[in-house]
Amino acid sequence: MLNVDKPMSVLKALTVKPNVVELHRAIDTEGKSEHAWGDIQAMKKLSERMLVAVAGGIRVDSVKEALKSGADIIVVGRAITKAKDVRSMTEQFIEEMKQPEIDQYRIMTDF
């Protein structure tokens, strides 16, 4: 759902609902707009198995907002990969999530 204006409309139109939906704000719009996650709770009502991921400019200070919005998965990229101290930045994200245990089966890396 990279920059999809109405993700709920797209999801409703699908005959088979996905297991995971990623609401992703593109890098070229990060400075121009806030995260527009929409009504994540309403999306989840379309399928009891659906998880919602958020991505695109996720920073430590936006984690609580994402979780409060109902995100199941927080996708972090440059905030960690471009950090001078990757370990420290990763620990900050984990601390902000207030979850000492992470479901490793949901974590994927592409680097």
N, C-alpha and C. Protein backbone atom coordinates (compact mmCIF):
# COMPACT_ATOMS: atom_id res chain seq x y z
N MET A 1 0.84 -1.19 0.00
CA MET A 1 0.00 0.00 0.00
C MET A 1 0.88 1.25 0.00
N LEU A 2 1.91 1.24 -0.80
CA LEU A 2 2.82 2.38 -0.89
C LEU A 2 2.08 3.59 -1.46
N ASN A 3 1.85 4.58 -0.60
CA ASN A 3 1.17 5.82 -0.97
C ASN A 3 -0.23 5.61 -1.56
N VAL A 4 -0.91 4.56 -1.15
CA VAL A 4 -2.29 4.35 -1.60
C VAL A 4 -3.18 5.29 -0.81
N ASP A 5 -3.96 6.10 -1.52
CA ASP A 5 -4.81 7.10 -0.87
C ASP A 5 -5.90 6.49 0.01
N LYS A 6 -6.53 5.43 -0.48
CA LYS A 6 -7.64 4.83 0.25
C LYS A 6 -7.41 3.32 0.41
N PRO A 7 -6.51 2.95 1.33
CA PRO A 7 -6.22 1.51 1.48
C PRO A 7 -7.44 0.69 1.89
N MET A 8 -8.34 1.27 2.64
CA MET A 8 -9.54 0.54 3.07
C MET A 8 -10.37 0.14 1.86
N SER A 9 -10.50 1.02 0.90
CA SER A 9 -11.26 0.70 -0.32
C SER A 9 -10.62 -0.45 -1.08
N VAL A 10 -9.31 -0.43 -1.15
CA VAL A 10 -8.58 -1.50 -1.85
C VAL A 10 -8.80 -2.82 -1.12
N LEU A 11 -8.67 -2.81 0.20
CA LEU A 11 -8.84 -4.04 0.97
C LEU A 11 -10.26 -4.59 0.87
N LYS A 12 -11.24 -3.73 0.91
CA LYS A 12 -12.63 -4.17 0.80
C LYS A 12 -12.91 -4.83 -0.55
N ALA A 13 -12.24 -4.35 -1.58
CA ALA A 13 -12.47 -4.87 -2.93
C ALA A 13 -11.82 -6.24 -3.16
N LEU A 14 -10.90 -6.62 -2.32
CA LEU A 14 -10.21 -7.91 -2.49
C LEU A 14 -11.10 -9.06 -2.06
N THR A 15 -11.20 -10.07 -2.90
CA THR A 15 -11.96 -11.26 -2.56
C THR A 15 -11.24 -12.05 -1.47
N VAL A 16 -9.93 -12.19 -1.63
CA VAL A 16 -9.10 -12.88 -0.64
C VAL A 16 -8.30 -11.81 0.09
N LYS A 17 -8.49 -11.73 1.38
CA LYS A 17 -7.80 -10.72 2.19
C LYS A 17 -6.38 -11.18 2.49
N PRO A 18 -5.43 -10.27 2.50
CA PRO A 18 -4.04 -10.64 2.79
C PRO A 18 -3.83 -10.93 4.27
N ASN A 19 -2.77 -11.68 4.55
CA ASN A 19 -2.40 -11.93 5.95
C ASN A 19 -1.71 -10.72 6.56
N VAL A 20 -1.01 -9.96 5.71
CA VAL A 20 -0.30 -8.76 6.17
C VAL A 20 -0.53 -7.64 5.16
N VAL A 21 -0.84 -6.47 5.68
CA VAL A 21 -0.96 -5.27 4.86
C VAL A 21 0.08 -4.29 5.37
N GLU A 22 0.87 -3.74 4.47
CA GLU A 22 1.87 -2.75 4.86
C GLU A 22 1.45 -1.37 4.37
N LEU A 23 1.25 -0.47 5.30
CA LEU A 23 0.92 0.91 4.97
C LEU A 23 2.25 1.66 4.95
N HIS A 24 2.68 2.03 3.77
CA HIS A 24 4.03 2.53 3.57
C HIS A 24 4.03 3.92 2.94
N ARG A 25 4.66 4.85 3.61
CA ARG A 25 4.81 6.21 3.09
C ARG A 25 6.14 6.27 2.35
N ALA A 26 6.12 6.74 1.10
CA ALA A 26 7.31 6.78 0.27
C ALA A 26 8.32 7.80 0.78
N ILE A 27 9.57 7.54 0.50
CA ILE A 27 10.66 8.40 0.97
C ILE A 27 10.52 9.84 0.45
N ASP A 28 10.01 10.01 -0.77
CA ASP A 28 9.91 11.36 -1.32
C ASP A 28 8.76 12.17 -0.73
N THR A 29 7.91 11.55 0.10
CA THR A 29 6.82 12.29 0.73
C THR A 29 7.01 12.43 2.24
N GLU A 30 8.07 11.87 2.77
CA GLU A 30 8.27 11.87 4.21
C GLU A 30 8.31 13.27 4.83
N GLY A 31 8.97 14.19 4.21
CA GLY A 31 9.06 15.53 4.77
C GLY A 31 7.83 16.38 4.53
N LYS A 32 6.96 15.92 3.65
CA LYS A 32 5.80 16.71 3.25
C LYS A 32 4.50 16.30 3.94
N SER A 33 4.47 15.09 4.50
CA SER A 33 3.22 14.62 5.08
C SER A 33 3.47 13.80 6.33
N GLU A 34 2.46 13.79 7.17
CA GLU A 34 2.49 12.94 8.36
C GLU A 34 2.11 11.53 7.94
N HIS A 35 2.32 10.59 8.83
CA HIS A 35 1.89 9.23 8.55
C HIS A 35 0.37 9.23 8.42
N ALA A 36 -0.11 8.61 7.38
CA ALA A 36 -1.56 8.54 7.14
C ALA A 36 -1.98 7.08 7.20
N TRP A 37 -1.98 6.53 8.41
CA TRP A 37 -2.28 5.12 8.54
C TRP A 37 -3.76 4.83 8.45
N GLY A 38 -4.57 5.82 8.60
CA GLY A 38 -6.00 5.59 8.51
C GLY A 38 -6.52 4.80 9.69
N ASP A 39 -7.62 4.14 9.51
CA ASP A 39 -8.26 3.40 10.58
C ASP A 39 -7.79 1.94 10.55
N ILE A 40 -6.68 1.69 11.21
CA ILE A 40 -6.11 0.34 11.22
C ILE A 40 -7.07 -0.65 11.86
N GLN A 41 -7.75 -0.24 12.90
CA GLN A 41 -8.69 -1.16 13.58
C GLN A 41 -9.79 -1.61 12.62
N ALA A 42 -10.29 -0.71 11.79
CA ALA A 42 -11.33 -1.07 10.81
C ALA A 42 -10.77 -2.05 9.77
N MET A 43 -9.51 -1.84 9.38
CA MET A 43 -8.89 -2.76 8.42
C MET A 43 -8.82 -4.16 9.01
N LYS A 44 -8.44 -4.25 10.27
CA LYS A 44 -8.31 -5.56 10.92
C LYS A 44 -9.65 -6.28 11.03
N LYS A 45 -10.73 -5.55 11.07
CA LYS A 45 -12.06 -6.17 11.15
C LYS A 45 -12.44 -6.89 9.86
N LEU A 46 -11.74 -6.59 8.77
CA LEU A 46 -12.02 -7.25 7.49
C LEU A 46 -11.56 -8.71 7.50
N SER A 47 -10.59 -9.02 8.37
CA SER A 47 -10.08 -10.39 8.47
C SER A 47 -9.46 -10.56 9.84
N GLU A 48 -9.86 -11.61 10.54
CA GLU A 48 -9.33 -11.82 11.89
C GLU A 48 -7.85 -12.20 11.89
N ARG A 49 -7.32 -12.64 10.75
CA ARG A 49 -5.91 -13.02 10.66
C ARG A 49 -5.01 -11.89 10.17
N MET A 50 -5.57 -10.80 9.70
CA MET A 50 -4.78 -9.75 9.08
C MET A 50 -3.93 -8.99 10.11
N LEU A 51 -2.66 -8.87 9.78
CA LEU A 51 -1.75 -8.03 10.55
C LEU A 51 -1.50 -6.78 9.73
N VAL A 52 -1.30 -5.66 10.42
CA VAL A 52 -1.04 -4.40 9.73
C VAL A 52 0.34 -3.90 10.11
N ALA A 53 1.14 -3.66 9.07
CA ALA A 53 2.49 -3.15 9.24
C ALA A 53 2.52 -1.68 8.82
N VAL A 54 3.37 -0.91 9.47
CA VAL A 54 3.56 0.49 9.07
C VAL A 54 5.03 0.69 8.75
N ALA A 55 5.28 1.51 7.73
CA ALA A 55 6.65 1.74 7.28
C ALA A 55 6.76 3.11 6.64
N GLY A 56 7.98 3.53 6.46
CA GLY A 56 8.23 4.79 5.77
C GLY A 56 8.52 5.93 6.72
N GLY A 57 9.78 6.11 7.03
CA GLY A 57 10.17 7.21 7.91
C GLY A 57 9.86 6.96 9.37
N ILE A 58 9.83 5.70 9.77
CA ILE A 58 9.57 5.38 11.17
C ILE A 58 10.80 5.76 11.99
N ARG A 59 10.55 6.57 13.01
CA ARG A 59 11.60 7.00 13.93
C ARG A 59 11.21 6.56 15.34
N VAL A 60 12.15 6.63 16.25
CA VAL A 60 11.87 6.24 17.63
C VAL A 60 10.68 7.02 18.17
N ASP A 61 10.59 8.31 17.84
CA ASP A 61 9.50 9.12 18.38
C ASP A 61 8.15 8.88 17.72
N SER A 62 8.08 8.02 16.72
CA SER A 62 6.79 7.72 16.09
C SER A 62 6.28 6.31 16.42
N VAL A 63 7.06 5.54 17.17
CA VAL A 63 6.67 4.17 17.50
C VAL A 63 5.39 4.12 18.33
N LYS A 64 5.31 4.93 19.36
CA LYS A 64 4.11 4.91 20.22
C LYS A 64 2.85 5.26 19.43
N GLU A 65 2.96 6.22 18.54
CA GLU A 65 1.81 6.60 17.71
C GLU A 65 1.39 5.43 16.83
N ALA A 66 2.36 4.74 16.26
CA ALA A 66 2.05 3.60 15.39
C ALA A 66 1.37 2.49 16.18
N LEU A 67 1.88 2.19 17.36
CA LEU A 67 1.28 1.15 18.20
C LEU A 67 -0.12 1.55 18.66
N LYS A 68 -0.27 2.81 19.03
CA LYS A 68 -1.58 3.31 19.47
C LYS A 68 -2.59 3.23 18.33
N SER A 69 -2.12 3.41 17.10
CA SER A 69 -3.00 3.32 15.93
C SER A 69 -3.42 1.89 15.63
N GLY A 70 -2.73 0.92 16.24
CA GLY A 70 -3.09 -0.48 16.04
C GLY A 70 -2.11 -1.29 15.21
N ALA A 71 -0.97 -0.72 14.87
CA ALA A 71 0.01 -1.44 14.07
C ALA A 71 0.50 -2.68 14.80
N ASP A 72 0.60 -3.78 14.06
CA ASP A 72 1.12 -5.03 14.61
C ASP A 72 2.62 -5.15 14.34
N ILE A 73 3.04 -4.56 13.24
CA ILE A 73 4.43 -4.67 12.80
C ILE A 73 4.95 -3.27 12.51
N ILE A 74 6.12 -2.97 13.04
CA ILE A 74 6.78 -1.69 12.78
C ILE A 74 7.99 -1.99 11.91
N VAL A 75 8.00 -1.45 10.70
CA VAL A 75 9.11 -1.68 9.78
C VAL A 75 10.04 -0.47 9.85
N VAL A 76 11.25 -0.72 10.30
CA VAL A 76 12.23 0.36 10.45
C VAL A 76 13.36 0.12 9.48
N GLY A 77 13.73 1.15 8.77
CA GLY A 77 14.83 1.04 7.81
C GLY A 77 15.97 1.95 8.15
N ARG A 78 15.99 3.09 7.47
CA ARG A 78 17.12 4.02 7.58
C ARG A 78 17.42 4.49 8.99
N ALA A 79 16.43 4.57 9.86
CA ALA A 79 16.69 5.02 11.22
C ALA A 79 17.72 4.12 11.89
N ILE A 80 17.72 2.85 11.51
CA ILE A 80 18.70 1.92 12.07
C ILE A 80 19.90 1.76 11.13
N THR A 81 19.65 1.52 9.86
CA THR A 81 20.76 1.21 8.95
C THR A 81 21.70 2.38 8.74
N LYS A 82 21.22 3.59 8.90
CA LYS A 82 22.08 4.78 8.73
C LYS A 82 22.58 5.34 10.06
N ALA A 83 22.22 4.70 11.16
CA ALA A 83 22.64 5.19 12.47
C ALA A 83 24.14 4.98 12.67
N LYS A 84 24.77 5.89 13.38
CA LYS A 84 26.19 5.74 13.70
C LYS A 84 26.40 4.56 14.64
N ASP A 85 25.45 4.35 15.55
CA ASP A 85 25.51 3.24 16.48
C ASP A 85 24.24 2.40 16.30
N VAL A 86 24.34 1.42 15.43
CA VAL A 86 23.19 0.59 15.06
C VAL A 86 22.61 -0.13 16.28
N ARG A 87 23.46 -0.67 17.10
CA ARG A 87 22.98 -1.40 18.28
C ARG A 87 22.18 -0.48 19.21
N SER A 88 22.73 0.68 19.49
CA SER A 88 22.05 1.63 20.38
C SER A 88 20.70 2.05 19.81
N MET A 89 20.67 2.34 18.51
CA MET A 89 19.41 2.76 17.89
C MET A 89 18.39 1.63 17.94
N THR A 90 18.81 0.40 17.67
CA THR A 90 17.92 -0.75 17.73
C THR A 90 17.37 -0.92 19.15
N GLU A 91 18.23 -0.77 20.14
CA GLU A 91 17.79 -0.88 21.53
C GLU A 91 16.79 0.22 21.89
N GLN A 92 16.97 1.41 21.32
CA GLN A 92 16.01 2.49 21.57
C GLN A 92 14.63 2.14 21.02
N PHE A 93 14.60 1.54 19.83
CA PHE A 93 13.31 1.13 19.25
C PHE A 93 12.66 0.06 20.11
N ILE A 94 13.42 -0.93 20.53
CA ILE A 94 12.87 -2.00 21.35
C ILE A 94 12.35 -1.44 22.67
N GLU A 95 13.10 -0.54 23.27
CA GLU A 95 12.66 0.07 24.53
C GLU A 95 11.36 0.85 24.32
N GLU A 96 11.27 1.57 23.24
CA GLU A 96 10.07 2.37 22.96
C GLU A 96 8.85 1.46 22.74
N MET A 97 9.09 0.29 22.20
CA MET A 97 8.01 -0.66 21.97
C MET A 97 7.57 -1.32 23.27
N LYS A 98 8.40 -1.27 24.28
CA LYS A 98 8.09 -1.87 25.59
C LYS A 98 7.79 -3.36 25.47
N GLN A 99 8.51 -4.02 24.59
CA GLN A 99 8.34 -5.45 24.40
C GLN A 99 9.70 -6.12 24.42
N PRO A 100 10.08 -6.74 25.54
CA PRO A 100 11.39 -7.37 25.62
C PRO A 100 11.54 -8.56 24.69
N GLU A 101 10.45 -9.23 24.37
CA GLU A 101 10.46 -10.37 23.48
C GLU A 101 9.91 -9.95 22.13
N ILE A 102 10.59 -10.29 21.07
CA ILE A 102 10.12 -9.96 19.73
C ILE A 102 9.82 -11.26 19.01
N ASP A 103 8.72 -11.31 18.30
CA ASP A 103 8.35 -12.48 17.54
C ASP A 103 9.28 -12.59 16.34
N GLN A 104 10.31 -13.40 16.47
CA GLN A 104 11.34 -13.50 15.45
C GLN A 104 10.83 -14.06 14.13
N TYR A 105 9.71 -14.75 14.17
CA TYR A 105 9.18 -15.32 12.94
C TYR A 105 8.56 -14.25 12.05
N ARG A 106 8.34 -13.08 12.57
CA ARG A 106 7.77 -12.01 11.76
C ARG A 106 8.83 -11.05 11.25
N ILE A 107 10.06 -11.24 11.67
CA ILE A 107 11.13 -10.31 11.29
C ILE A 107 11.81 -10.81 10.04
N MET A 108 11.94 -9.92 9.06
CA MET A 108 12.67 -10.25 7.83
C MET A 108 13.65 -9.11 7.57
N THR A 109 14.79 -9.45 7.08
CA THR A 109 15.76 -8.42 6.71
C THR A 109 16.14 -8.60 5.25
N ASP A 110 16.43 -7.51 4.60
CA ASP A 110 16.82 -7.59 3.18
C ASP A 110 18.19 -7.00 2.95
N PHE A 111 19.00 -7.00 4.00
CA PHE A 111 20.37 -6.50 3.83
C PHE A 111 21.37 -7.46 4.42
